[in-house]
Amino acid sequence: MASAEEVAKEAERRDIRDRWLLSAPALIIIFLAATGPLLIVVIYSFLTPGPYGGVVWKFSTDGWLSVLMQRDIFDDTLAFADAHLSIFWRSISLSFYTTVLTLFFGFPTAYFIATRPPKTREVWVFLVTIPFWTNLLIRTFAMQQVIRNEGLVNTALMALGIIKQPLQIMNTDAAILLGMIYVYLPLMVLPIYASMEKLDFRLVEAGYDLYAGRWQVLRRIIFPLIKPGVIAGSILVFIPSLGAYVIPRVLGGGKNMMLGNLIELQFGAGRNWPLGAAISITLMVLVMIALLFYVRNASGSEGAHG
C-alpha cells in the first residue's frame, strides 16, 4: 500500500495538472492574441509592397532597407533617407525632452503632495488623475485652443502688450512638446509620489541635523530612495511619447511627423506595408531597449537598498 506521503504527492501533482488543463484554453488565446499580430507584422516586413497597398507574397528585404536608406529613382544608388532619419531624431529627441521636463515639473509636484497631511493627500492625487477622465483627443484639442494664434496664450500676451503679433506656436516641434508634457505629466507624478509616500522623512530631518544643505539632502537622501519611482515614471512617459500619433497629428499639423505618423502614412497613403511593418518593429525594439534599461536600473536599485 502507498504511504500517506506518496498519496499526498500524487494528489498535489494531480491538482497542478488540473490547474494547467483548466487554464490552458485561456493561455492559448492570450498567446495567440499577443504573438499572432506581431508575427503578421514581422512576416509583412519581409514581403514586397503591392501596387495599391497590401503585400505581394514575394520575399524582399527592401522594407528593412528603406527604414534608413532610399534608392535614387534615376541610377538606383543607395543614400540615407534624410526624411526618415529626421523623423527618428524628432521622435527620440522630443520624447527625451518630454521625459526630462515632466520630471522637472513632476518631482516638486509629487514632493508637495507627499508632504501634505494624510487627509488632504487623496484630494491632491484625485486632482492629478482628473485629466485621465477625458479622452486623449479631447485633451489634445484643448491644448490646441490654448496655443493657437487666437488662443489663450497669444490673447493674454497681446492684451498685456508683451507682443504685437501672435506667436506661431502651432505646427511646430514646440507645440508637440507642450502637448506631450501636458498629456503625460500625470504619468510622471504618480509613480514618484508612490515612492515618495513611503519615504521616511525622519531621514531628511537627520540630514539637516547633520548640517547638510537642501541640495545635498535631495541628492544624497531623497533621490536615491525614490529612484525606482523616477525610473518608472520616465519609462511611462518616454514609451508613449516615442510612439505618439494623435498629438503630432493635431498640434504638429501633420507636417512635423513622429514615428507613429510615419507608420500610419506607410499603411495609408504611402501604400508600403512592408516599410510600415519594418518601422513598427524598429519602434518596438526601441521600446524594448527602454524597458530593459528600466529593469536593469530597478533591479540595481533594489539590490543596493537590500
C-alpha atoms as a PDB file:
ATOM      1  CA  MET A   1       0.000   0.000   0.000  1.00  0.00           C
ATOM      2  CA  ALA A   2       1.156   3.528  -0.782  1.00  0.00           C
ATOM      3  CA  SER A   3       2.250   5.608   2.142  1.00  0.00           C
ATOM      4  CA  ALA A   4       0.429   8.774   3.182  1.00  0.00           C
ATOM      5  CA  GLU A   5       3.301  10.878   1.853  1.00  0.00           C
ATOM      6  CA  GLU A   6       3.090   9.314  -1.635  1.00  0.00           C
ATOM      7  CA  VAL A   7      -0.681   9.785  -1.684  1.00  0.00           C
ATOM      8  CA  ALA A   8      -0.251  13.457  -0.784  1.00  0.00           C
ATOM      9  CA  LYS A   9       2.367  13.957  -3.515  1.00  0.00           C
ATOM     10  CA  GLU A  10       0.138  12.262  -6.094  1.00  0.00           C
ATOM     11  CA  ALA A  11      -2.784  14.449  -5.075  1.00  0.00           C
ATOM     12  CA  GLU A  12      -0.589  17.546  -5.387  1.00  0.00           C
ATOM     13  CA  ARG A  13       0.611  16.524  -8.867  1.00  0.00           C
ATOM     14  CA  ARG A  14      -2.981  15.855  -9.944  1.00  0.00           C
ATOM     15  CA  ASP A  15      -4.048  19.235  -8.615  1.00  0.00           C
ATOM     16  CA  ILE A  16      -1.271  21.006 -10.540  1.00  0.00           C
ATOM     17  CA  ARG A  17      -2.162  19.109 -13.724  1.00  0.00           C
ATOM     18  CA  ASP A  18      -5.841  20.007 -13.379  1.00  0.00           C
ATOM     19  CA  ARG A  19      -4.992  23.675 -12.898  1.00  0.00           C
ATOM     20  CA  TRP A  20      -2.874  23.716 -16.050  1.00  0.00           C
ATOM     21  CA  LEU A  21      -5.618  21.952 -18.032  1.00  0.00           C
ATOM     22  CA  LEU A  22      -8.235  24.436 -16.824  1.00  0.00           C
ATOM     23  CA  SER A  23      -6.083  27.454 -17.656  1.00  0.00           C
ATOM     24  CA  ALA A  24      -4.749  26.067 -20.962  1.00  0.00           C
ATOM     25  CA  PRO A  25      -7.564  27.490 -23.193  1.00  0.00           C
ATOM     26  CA  ALA A  26      -7.117  30.984 -21.759  1.00  0.00           C
ATOM     27  CA  LEU A  27      -3.336  30.765 -22.041  1.00  0.00           C
ATOM     28  CA  ILE A  28      -3.565  29.641 -25.672  1.00  0.00           C
ATOM     29  CA  ILE A  29      -5.908  32.526 -26.532  1.00  0.00           C
ATOM     30  CA  ILE A  30      -3.661  35.048 -24.797  1.00  0.00           C
ATOM     31  CA  PHE A  31      -0.575  33.620 -26.515  1.00  0.00           C
ATOM     32  CA  LEU A  32      -2.193  33.757 -29.961  1.00  0.00           C
ATOM     33  CA  ALA A  33      -3.618  37.237 -29.370  1.00  0.00           C
ATOM     34  CA  ALA A  34      -0.223  38.530 -28.242  1.00  0.00           C
ATOM     35  CA  THR A  35       2.027  36.822 -30.772  1.00  0.00           C
ATOM     36  CA  GLY A  36      -0.340  36.490 -33.746  1.00  0.00           C
ATOM     37  CA  PRO A  37      -0.466  40.174 -34.781  1.00  0.00           C
ATOM     38  CA  LEU A  38       3.239  40.586 -34.059  1.00  0.00           C
ATOM     39  CA  LEU A  39       4.064  37.563 -36.231  1.00  0.00           C
ATOM     40  CA  ILE A  40       1.969  39.006 -39.068  1.00  0.00           C
ATOM     41  CA  VAL A  41       3.826  42.322 -38.865  1.00  0.00           C
ATOM     42  CA  VAL A  42       7.204  40.536 -38.899  1.00  0.00           C
ATOM     43  CA  ILE A  43       6.183  38.492 -41.965  1.00  0.00           C
ATOM     44  CA  TYR A  44       4.862  41.578 -43.795  1.00  0.00           C
ATOM     45  CA  SER A  45       8.180  43.363 -43.223  1.00  0.00           C
ATOM     46  CA  PHE A  46       9.931  40.757 -45.411  1.00  0.00           C
ATOM     47  CA  LEU A  47       7.445  40.880 -48.315  1.00  0.00           C
ATOM     48  CA  THR A  48       7.062  43.071 -51.393  1.00  0.00           C
ATOM     49  CA  PRO A  49       4.625  46.009 -51.342  1.00  0.00           C
ATOM     50  CA  GLY A  50       1.563  45.687 -53.545  1.00  0.00           C
ATOM     51  CA  PRO A  51       0.841  48.268 -56.266  1.00  0.00           C
ATOM     52  CA  TYR A  52      -2.304  49.525 -54.492  1.00  0.00           C
ATOM     53  CA  GLY A  53      -1.456  48.689 -50.911  1.00  0.00           C
ATOM     54  CA  GLY A  54      -1.246  45.338 -49.214  1.00  0.00           C
ATOM     55  CA  VAL A  55       1.614  42.978 -49.936  1.00  0.00           C
ATOM     56  CA  VAL A  56       2.801  40.628 -52.648  1.00  0.00           C
ATOM     57  CA  TRP A  57       3.891  37.274 -51.253  1.00  0.00           C
ATOM     58  CA  LYS A  58       7.427  37.574 -52.558  1.00  0.00           C
ATOM     59  CA  PHE A  59      10.400  37.716 -50.200  1.00  0.00           C
ATOM     60  CA  SER A  60      12.173  41.060 -50.068  1.00  0.00           C
ATOM     61  CA  THR A  61      14.322  42.991 -47.627  1.00  0.00           C
ATOM     62  CA  ASP A  62      13.552  46.369 -49.223  1.00  0.00           C
ATOM     63  CA  GLY A  63      11.207  47.197 -46.365  1.00  0.00           C
ATOM     64  CA  TRP A  64      14.021  46.965 -43.820  1.00  0.00           C
ATOM     65  CA  LEU A  65      16.487  48.656 -46.147  1.00  0.00           C
ATOM     66  CA  SER A  66      14.095  51.588 -46.619  1.00  0.00           C
ATOM     67  CA  VAL A  67      13.896  52.251 -42.885  1.00  0.00           C
ATOM     68  CA  LEU A  68      17.172  54.191 -43.050  1.00  0.00           C
ATOM     69  CA  MET A  69      18.106  54.126 -46.752  1.00  0.00           C
ATOM     70  CA  GLN A  70      16.464  55.103 -50.041  1.00  0.00           C
ATOM     71  CA  ARG A  71      17.161  54.292 -53.677  1.00  0.00           C
ATOM     72  CA  ASP A  72      17.726  57.008 -56.239  1.00  0.00           C
ATOM     73  CA  ILE A  73      14.966  56.932 -58.865  1.00  0.00           C
ATOM     74  CA  PHE A  74      17.477  57.511 -61.707  1.00  0.00           C
ATOM     75  CA  ASP A  75      20.557  55.364 -61.041  1.00  0.00           C
ATOM     76  CA  ASP A  76      19.225  53.095 -58.243  1.00  0.00           C
ATOM     77  CA  THR A  77      22.048  54.067 -55.886  1.00  0.00           C
ATOM     78  CA  LEU A  78      21.534  53.969 -52.131  1.00  0.00           C
ATOM     79  CA  ALA A  79      21.613  57.003 -49.868  1.00  0.00           C
ATOM     80  CA  PHE A  80      20.452  57.774 -46.367  1.00  0.00           C
ATOM     81  CA  ALA A  81      16.740  58.541 -46.116  1.00  0.00           C
ATOM     82  CA  ASP A  82      17.006  62.036 -44.673  1.00  0.00           C
ATOM     83  CA  ALA A  83      13.266  62.292 -44.074  1.00  0.00           C
ATOM     84  CA  HIS A  84      13.153  59.082 -42.054  1.00  0.00           C
ATOM     85  CA  LEU A  85      16.277  59.989 -40.089  1.00  0.00           C
ATOM     86  CA  SER A  86      14.818  63.383 -39.210  1.00  0.00           C
ATOM     87  CA  ILE A  87      11.602  61.713 -38.027  1.00  0.00           C
ATOM     88  CA  PHE A  88      13.585  59.235 -35.914  1.00  0.00           C
ATOM     89  CA  TRP A  89      15.591  62.088 -34.440  1.00  0.00           C
ATOM     90  CA  ARG A  90      12.488  64.187 -33.799  1.00  0.00           C
ATOM     91  CA  SER A  91      10.727  61.264 -32.107  1.00  0.00           C
ATOM     92  CA  ILE A  92      13.658  60.368 -29.845  1.00  0.00           C
ATOM     93  CA  SER A  93      14.608  63.956 -29.009  1.00  0.00           C
ATOM     94  CA  LEU A  94      11.041  65.116 -28.272  1.00  0.00           C
ATOM     95  CA  SER A  95      10.433  62.001 -26.174  1.00  0.00           C
ATOM     96  CA  PHE A  96      13.640  62.696 -24.237  1.00  0.00           C
ATOM     97  CA  TYR A  97      12.778  66.362 -23.666  1.00  0.00           C
ATOM     98  CA  THR A  98       9.248  65.384 -22.643  1.00  0.00           C
ATOM     99  CA  THR A  99      10.638  62.942 -20.094  1.00  0.00           C
ATOM    100  CA  VAL A 100      13.105  65.484 -18.688  1.00  0.00           C
ATOM    101  CA  LEU A 101      10.558  68.303 -18.446  1.00  0.00           C
ATOM    102  CA  THR A 102       7.818  66.132 -16.946  1.00  0.00           C
ATOM    103  CA  LEU A 103      10.384  65.033 -14.351  1.00  0.00           C
ATOM    104  CA  PHE A 104      11.289  68.690 -13.749  1.00  0.00           C
ATOM    105  CA  PHE A 105       7.644  69.606 -13.095  1.00  0.00           C
ATOM    106  CA  GLY A 106       6.507  66.252 -11.702  1.00  0.00           C
ATOM    107  CA  PHE A 107       9.139  65.861  -8.983  1.00  0.00           C
ATOM    108  CA  PRO A 108       8.186  69.006  -6.996  1.00  0.00           C
ATOM    109  CA  THR A 109       4.513  68.228  -7.537  1.00  0.00           C
ATOM    110  CA  ALA A 110       4.921  64.727  -6.085  1.00  0.00           C
ATOM    111  CA  TYR A 111       7.011  66.126  -3.228  1.00  0.00           C
ATOM    112  CA  PHE A 112       4.323  68.694  -2.457  1.00  0.00           C
ATOM    113  CA  ILE A 113       1.605  66.026  -2.370  1.00  0.00           C
ATOM    114  CA  ALA A 114       3.699  63.619  -0.264  1.00  0.00           C
ATOM    115  CA  THR A 115       4.364  66.307   2.354  1.00  0.00           C
ATOM    116  CA  ARG A 116       0.685  67.249   2.761  1.00  0.00           C
ATOM    117  CA  PRO A 117      -1.315  65.952   5.741  1.00  0.00           C
ATOM    118  CA  PRO A 118      -2.653  62.419   5.123  1.00  0.00           C
ATOM    119  CA  LYS A 119      -6.265  63.653   4.931  1.00  0.00           C
ATOM    120  CA  THR A 120      -5.548  66.016   2.034  1.00  0.00           C
ATOM    121  CA  ARG A 121      -3.169  63.816   0.025  1.00  0.00           C
ATOM    122  CA  GLU A 122      -6.044  61.882  -1.517  1.00  0.00           C
ATOM    123  CA  VAL A 123      -7.597  65.138  -2.705  1.00  0.00           C
ATOM    124  CA  TRP A 124      -4.381  66.201  -4.442  1.00  0.00           C
ATOM    125  CA  VAL A 125      -3.916  62.770  -6.045  1.00  0.00           C
ATOM    126  CA  PHE A 126      -7.540  62.941  -7.164  1.00  0.00           C
ATOM    127  CA  LEU A 127      -6.854  66.294  -8.852  1.00  0.00           C
ATOM    128  CA  VAL A 128      -3.811  64.848 -10.646  1.00  0.00           C
ATOM    129  CA  THR A 129      -5.888  61.983 -12.060  1.00  0.00           C
ATOM    130  CA  ILE A 130      -8.718  64.192 -13.371  1.00  0.00           C
ATOM    131  CA  PRO A 131      -7.164  64.514 -16.889  1.00  0.00           C
ATOM    132  CA  PHE A 132      -7.474  60.733 -17.288  1.00  0.00           C
ATOM    133  CA  TRP A 133     -11.240  61.139 -17.240  1.00  0.00           C
ATOM    134  CA  THR A 134     -11.069  62.797 -20.656  1.00  0.00           C
ATOM    135  CA  ASN A 135     -10.158  61.231 -23.970  1.00  0.00           C
ATOM    136  CA  LEU A 136      -6.637  61.911 -25.276  1.00  0.00           C
ATOM    137  CA  LEU A 137      -8.006  63.516 -28.436  1.00  0.00           C
ATOM    138  CA  ILE A 138     -10.134  65.959 -26.441  1.00  0.00           C
ATOM    139  CA  ARG A 139      -7.189  66.898 -24.226  1.00  0.00           C
ATOM    140  CA  THR A 140      -5.065  67.499 -27.327  1.00  0.00           C
ATOM    141  CA  PHE A 141      -7.719  69.752 -28.858  1.00  0.00           C
ATOM    142  CA  ALA A 142      -7.908  71.604 -25.533  1.00  0.00           C
ATOM    143  CA  MET A 143      -4.171  72.306 -25.757  1.00  0.00           C
ATOM    144  CA  GLN A 144      -4.696  73.441 -29.342  1.00  0.00           C
ATOM    145  CA  GLN A 145      -7.176  76.065 -28.122  1.00  0.00           C
ATOM    146  CA  VAL A 146      -4.567  77.320 -25.659  1.00  0.00           C
ATOM    147  CA  ILE A 147      -1.601  77.725 -28.034  1.00  0.00           C
ATOM    148  CA  ARG A 148      -3.208  78.565 -31.391  1.00  0.00           C
ATOM    149  CA  ASN A 149      -2.831  82.056 -32.864  1.00  0.00           C
ATOM    150  CA  GLU A 150      -6.132  83.209 -31.366  1.00  0.00           C
ATOM    151  CA  GLY A 151      -5.725  81.037 -28.283  1.00  0.00           C
ATOM    152  CA  LEU A 152      -5.425  81.837 -24.617  1.00  0.00           C
ATOM    153  CA  VAL A 153      -1.632  82.362 -24.583  1.00  0.00           C
ATOM    154  CA  ASN A 154      -1.450  84.742 -27.528  1.00  0.00           C
ATOM    155  CA  THR A 155      -4.590  86.627 -26.479  1.00  0.00           C
ATOM    156  CA  ALA A 156      -3.197  87.184 -22.970  1.00  0.00           C
ATOM    157  CA  LEU A 157       0.245  88.261 -24.217  1.00  0.00           C
ATOM    158  CA  MET A 158      -1.265  90.697 -26.716  1.00  0.00           C
ATOM    159  CA  ALA A 159      -3.661  92.108 -24.111  1.00  0.00           C
ATOM    160  CA  LEU A 160      -0.695  92.772 -21.795  1.00  0.00           C
ATOM    161  CA  GLY A 161       1.200  94.467 -24.615  1.00  0.00           C
ATOM    162  CA  ILE A 162       4.082  91.997 -24.488  1.00  0.00           C
ATOM    163  CA  ILE A 163       3.697  91.060 -28.170  1.00  0.00           C
ATOM    164  CA  LYS A 164       2.067  92.813 -31.109  1.00  0.00           C
ATOM    165  CA  GLN A 165       1.526  89.777 -33.322  1.00  0.00           C
ATOM    166  CA  PRO A 166       0.535  86.238 -32.309  1.00  0.00           C
ATOM    167  CA  LEU A 167       3.372  83.815 -31.698  1.00  0.00           C
ATOM    168  CA  GLN A 168       3.429  80.926 -34.170  1.00  0.00           C
ATOM    169  CA  ILE A 169       3.358  78.002 -31.766  1.00  0.00           C
ATOM    170  CA  MET A 170       1.032  75.654 -33.657  1.00  0.00           C
ATOM    171  CA  ASN A 171       2.500  73.282 -36.249  1.00  0.00           C
ATOM    172  CA  THR A 172       5.947  73.314 -34.621  1.00  0.00           C
ATOM    173  CA  ASP A 173       8.006  70.893 -32.556  1.00  0.00           C
ATOM    174  CA  ALA A 174       7.417  73.183 -29.569  1.00  0.00           C
ATOM    175  CA  ALA A 175       3.666  72.641 -29.876  1.00  0.00           C
ATOM    176  CA  ILE A 176       4.146  68.862 -29.900  1.00  0.00           C
ATOM    177  CA  LEU A 177       6.433  69.109 -26.875  1.00  0.00           C
ATOM    178  CA  LEU A 178       3.941  71.224 -24.924  1.00  0.00           C
ATOM    179  CA  GLY A 179       1.133  68.818 -25.801  1.00  0.00           C
ATOM    180  CA  MET A 180       3.068  65.745 -24.688  1.00  0.00           C
ATOM    181  CA  ILE A 181       4.148  67.412 -21.436  1.00  0.00           C
ATOM    182  CA  TYR A 182       0.541  68.303 -20.684  1.00  0.00           C
ATOM    183  CA  VAL A 183      -0.781  64.828 -21.524  1.00  0.00           C
ATOM    184  CA  TYR A 184       1.926  62.690 -19.900  1.00  0.00           C
ATOM    185  CA  LEU A 185       2.746  64.746 -16.793  1.00  0.00           C
ATOM    186  CA  PRO A 186       0.401  62.691 -14.529  1.00  0.00           C
ATOM    187  CA  LEU A 187       2.247  59.538 -15.590  1.00  0.00           C
ATOM    188  CA  MET A 188       5.387  61.018 -14.074  1.00  0.00           C
ATOM    189  CA  VAL A 189       3.791  62.438 -10.939  1.00  0.00           C
ATOM    190  CA  LEU A 190       2.016  59.298  -9.750  1.00  0.00           C
ATOM    191  CA  PRO A 191       4.981  56.826  -9.686  1.00  0.00           C
ATOM    192  CA  ILE A 192       7.221  59.392  -7.999  1.00  0.00           C
ATOM    193  CA  TYR A 193       4.505  60.123  -5.436  1.00  0.00           C
ATOM    194  CA  ALA A 194       4.059  56.388  -4.792  1.00  0.00           C
ATOM    195  CA  SER A 195       7.787  56.110  -3.970  1.00  0.00           C
ATOM    196  CA  MET A 196       7.937  59.360  -2.047  1.00  0.00           C
ATOM    197  CA  GLU A 197       4.917  58.473   0.099  1.00  0.00           C
ATOM    198  CA  LYS A 198       6.930  55.561   1.532  1.00  0.00           C
ATOM    199  CA  LEU A 199       9.915  57.796   2.251  1.00  0.00           C
ATOM    200  CA  ASP A 200      10.801  58.125   5.927  1.00  0.00           C
ATOM    201  CA  PHE A 201      11.127  61.898   6.251  1.00  0.00           C
ATOM    202  CA  ARG A 202      12.973  61.420   9.535  1.00  0.00           C
ATOM    203  CA  LEU A 203      15.985  60.677   7.321  1.00  0.00           C
ATOM    204  CA  VAL A 204      15.581  64.102   5.741  1.00  0.00           C
ATOM    205  CA  GLU A 205      15.430  65.723   9.159  1.00  0.00           C
ATOM    206  CA  ALA A 206      18.523  63.782  10.188  1.00  0.00           C
ATOM    207  CA  GLY A 207      20.331  65.102   7.133  1.00  0.00           C
ATOM    208  CA  TYR A 208      19.501  68.681   8.098  1.00  0.00           C
ATOM    209  CA  ASP A 209      20.588  67.965  11.673  1.00  0.00           C
ATOM    210  CA  LEU A 210      23.958  66.902  10.280  1.00  0.00           C
ATOM    211  CA  TYR A 211      24.265  70.298   8.547  1.00  0.00           C
ATOM    212  CA  ALA A 212      23.544  69.017   5.054  1.00  0.00           C
ATOM    213  CA  GLY A 213      22.218  71.610   2.618  1.00  0.00           C
ATOM    214  CA  ARG A 214      18.985  71.225   0.665  1.00  0.00           C
ATOM    215  CA  TRP A 215      20.823  70.116  -2.473  1.00  0.00           C
ATOM    216  CA  GLN A 216      22.839  67.539  -0.515  1.00  0.00           C
ATOM    217  CA  VAL A 217      19.681  66.177   1.136  1.00  0.00           C
ATOM    218  CA  LEU A 218      17.982  65.935  -2.233  1.00  0.00           C
ATOM    219  CA  ARG A 219      20.958  64.299  -3.951  1.00  0.00           C
ATOM    220  CA  ARG A 220      22.182  62.004  -1.170  1.00  0.00           C
ATOM    221  CA  ILE A 221      18.968  61.050   0.661  1.00  0.00           C
ATOM    222  CA  ILE A 222      15.732  61.735  -1.203  1.00  0.00           C
ATOM    223  CA  PHE A 223      16.651  60.922  -4.793  1.00  0.00           C
ATOM    224  CA  PRO A 224      18.376  57.542  -4.144  1.00  0.00           C
ATOM    225  CA  LEU A 225      15.357  56.355  -2.140  1.00  0.00           C
ATOM    226  CA  ILE A 226      12.775  57.375  -4.768  1.00  0.00           C
ATOM    227  CA  LYS A 227      14.913  56.372  -7.772  1.00  0.00           C
ATOM    228  CA  PRO A 228      12.634  53.402  -8.703  1.00  0.00           C
ATOM    229  CA  GLY A 229       9.668  55.770  -8.938  1.00  0.00           C
ATOM    230  CA  VAL A 230      11.662  58.201 -11.083  1.00  0.00           C
ATOM    231  CA  ILE A 231      12.730  55.413 -13.442  1.00  0.00           C
ATOM    232  CA  ALA A 232       9.184  54.013 -13.647  1.00  0.00           C
ATOM    233  CA  GLY A 233       7.757  57.458 -14.373  1.00  0.00           C
ATOM    234  CA  SER A 234      10.402  58.116 -17.015  1.00  0.00           C
ATOM    235  CA  ILE A 235       9.570  54.856 -18.783  1.00  0.00           C
ATOM    236  CA  LEU A 236       5.821  55.539 -18.577  1.00  0.00           C
ATOM    237  CA  VAL A 237       6.408  58.911 -20.229  1.00  0.00           C
ATOM    238  CA  PHE A 238       9.150  58.030 -22.723  1.00  0.00           C
ATOM    239  CA  ILE A 239       7.494  54.971 -24.280  1.00  0.00           C
ATOM    240  CA  PRO A 240       4.104  56.510 -25.216  1.00  0.00           C
ATOM    241  CA  SER A 241       5.871  59.709 -26.295  1.00  0.00           C
ATOM    242  CA  LEU A 242       8.052  57.718 -28.686  1.00  0.00           C
ATOM    243  CA  GLY A 243       5.019  56.248 -30.457  1.00  0.00           C
ATOM    244  CA  ALA A 244       2.745  59.295 -30.167  1.00  0.00           C
ATOM    245  CA  TYR A 245       0.311  59.723 -33.062  1.00  0.00           C
ATOM    246  CA  VAL A 246      -2.580  61.983 -32.074  1.00  0.00           C
ATOM    247  CA  ILE A 247      -0.544  64.822 -30.550  1.00  0.00           C
ATOM    248  CA  PRO A 248       1.856  65.291 -33.526  1.00  0.00           C
ATOM    249  CA  ARG A 249      -1.073  64.983 -35.932  1.00  0.00           C
ATOM    250  CA  VAL A 250      -3.185  67.664 -34.226  1.00  0.00           C
ATOM    251  CA  LEU A 251      -0.562  70.050 -32.841  1.00  0.00           C
ATOM    252  CA  GLY A 252       2.104  69.424 -35.471  1.00  0.00           C
ATOM    253  CA  GLY A 253      -0.315  69.905 -38.336  1.00  0.00           C
ATOM    254  CA  GLY A 254       0.669  66.611 -39.962  1.00  0.00           C
ATOM    255  CA  LYS A 255       3.975  68.104 -41.147  1.00  0.00           C
ATOM    256  CA  ASN A 256       6.113  67.583 -38.045  1.00  0.00           C
ATOM    257  CA  MET A 257       5.701  63.824 -38.066  1.00  0.00           C
ATOM    258  CA  MET A 258       6.859  61.322 -35.491  1.00  0.00           C
ATOM    259  CA  LEU A 259       7.241  57.551 -35.791  1.00  0.00           C
ATOM    260  CA  GLY A 260       3.549  56.858 -35.183  1.00  0.00           C
ATOM    261  CA  ASN A 261       2.583  59.203 -38.027  1.00  0.00           C
ATOM    262  CA  LEU A 262       5.208  57.699 -40.333  1.00  0.00           C
ATOM    263  CA  ILE A 263       3.873  54.193 -39.705  1.00  0.00           C
ATOM    264  CA  GLU A 264       0.291  55.336 -40.391  1.00  0.00           C
ATOM    265  CA  LEU A 265       1.459  57.051 -43.590  1.00  0.00           C
ATOM    266  CA  GLN A 266       3.055  53.862 -44.929  1.00  0.00           C
ATOM    267  CA  PHE A 267      -0.045  51.763 -44.249  1.00  0.00           C
ATOM    268  CA  GLY A 268      -2.256  54.507 -45.703  1.00  0.00           C
ATOM    269  CA  ALA A 269      -1.340  56.940 -48.453  1.00  0.00           C
ATOM    270  CA  GLY A 270       2.189  55.552 -48.839  1.00  0.00           C
ATOM    271  CA  ARG A 271       0.888  52.064 -49.718  1.00  0.00           C
ATOM    272  CA  ASN A 272       4.100  50.492 -48.489  1.00  0.00           C
ATOM    273  CA  TRP A 273       3.037  47.960 -45.889  1.00  0.00           C
ATOM    274  CA  PRO A 274       6.432  46.199 -45.605  1.00  0.00           C
ATOM    275  CA  LEU A 275       8.120  49.513 -44.767  1.00  0.00           C
ATOM    276  CA  GLY A 276       5.385  50.345 -42.257  1.00  0.00           C
ATOM    277  CA  ALA A 277       5.817  46.907 -40.675  1.00  0.00           C
ATOM    278  CA  ALA A 278       9.608  47.305 -40.519  1.00  0.00           C
ATOM    279  CA  ILE A 279       9.307  50.718 -38.855  1.00  0.00           C
ATOM    280  CA  SER A 280       6.802  49.229 -36.394  1.00  0.00           C
ATOM    281  CA  ILE A 281       9.264  46.506 -35.409  1.00  0.00           C
ATOM    282  CA  THR A 282      12.014  49.126 -35.113  1.00  0.00           C
ATOM    283  CA  LEU A 283       9.812  51.138 -32.767  1.00  0.00           C
ATOM    284  CA  MET A 284       9.123  48.022 -30.714  1.00  0.00           C
ATOM    285  CA  VAL A 285      12.869  47.355 -30.447  1.00  0.00           C
ATOM    286  CA  LEU A 286      13.423  50.896 -29.162  1.00  0.00           C
ATOM    287  CA  VAL A 287      10.685  50.333 -26.584  1.00  0.00           C
ATOM    288  CA  MET A 288      12.249  47.029 -25.532  1.00  0.00           C
ATOM    289  CA  ILE A 289      15.616  48.739 -25.055  1.00  0.00           C
ATOM    290  CA  ALA A 290      13.935  51.323 -22.812  1.00  0.00           C
ATOM    291  CA  LEU A 291      12.213  48.562 -20.820  1.00  0.00           C
ATOM    292  CA  LEU A 292      15.467  46.624 -20.407  1.00  0.00           C
ATOM    293  CA  PHE A 293      17.097  49.822 -19.151  1.00  0.00           C
ATOM    294  CA  TYR A 294      14.291  50.189 -16.617  1.00  0.00           C
ATOM    295  CA  VAL A 295      14.504  46.572 -15.432  1.00  0.00           C
ATOM    296  CA  ARG A 296      18.282  46.760 -15.097  1.00  0.00           C
ATOM    297  CA  ASN A 297      18.214  50.006 -13.112  1.00  0.00           C
ATOM    298  CA  ALA A 298      15.243  48.965 -10.980  1.00  0.00           C
ATOM    299  CA  SER A 299      16.946  45.685 -10.094  1.00  0.00           C
ATOM    300  CA  GLY A 300      20.147  47.546  -9.264  1.00  0.00           C
ATOM    301  CA  SER A 301      18.274  49.968  -7.012  1.00  0.00           C
ATOM    302  CA  GLU A 302      16.526  47.158  -5.138  1.00  0.00           C
ATOM    303  CA  GLY A 303      19.813  45.324  -4.696  1.00  0.00           C
ATOM    304  CA  ALA A 304      21.525  48.447  -3.378  1.00  0.00           C
ATOM    305  CA  HIS A 305      18.722  49.130  -0.912  1.00  0.00           C
ATOM    306  CA  GLY A 306      18.701  45.486   0.139  1.00  0.00           C
END
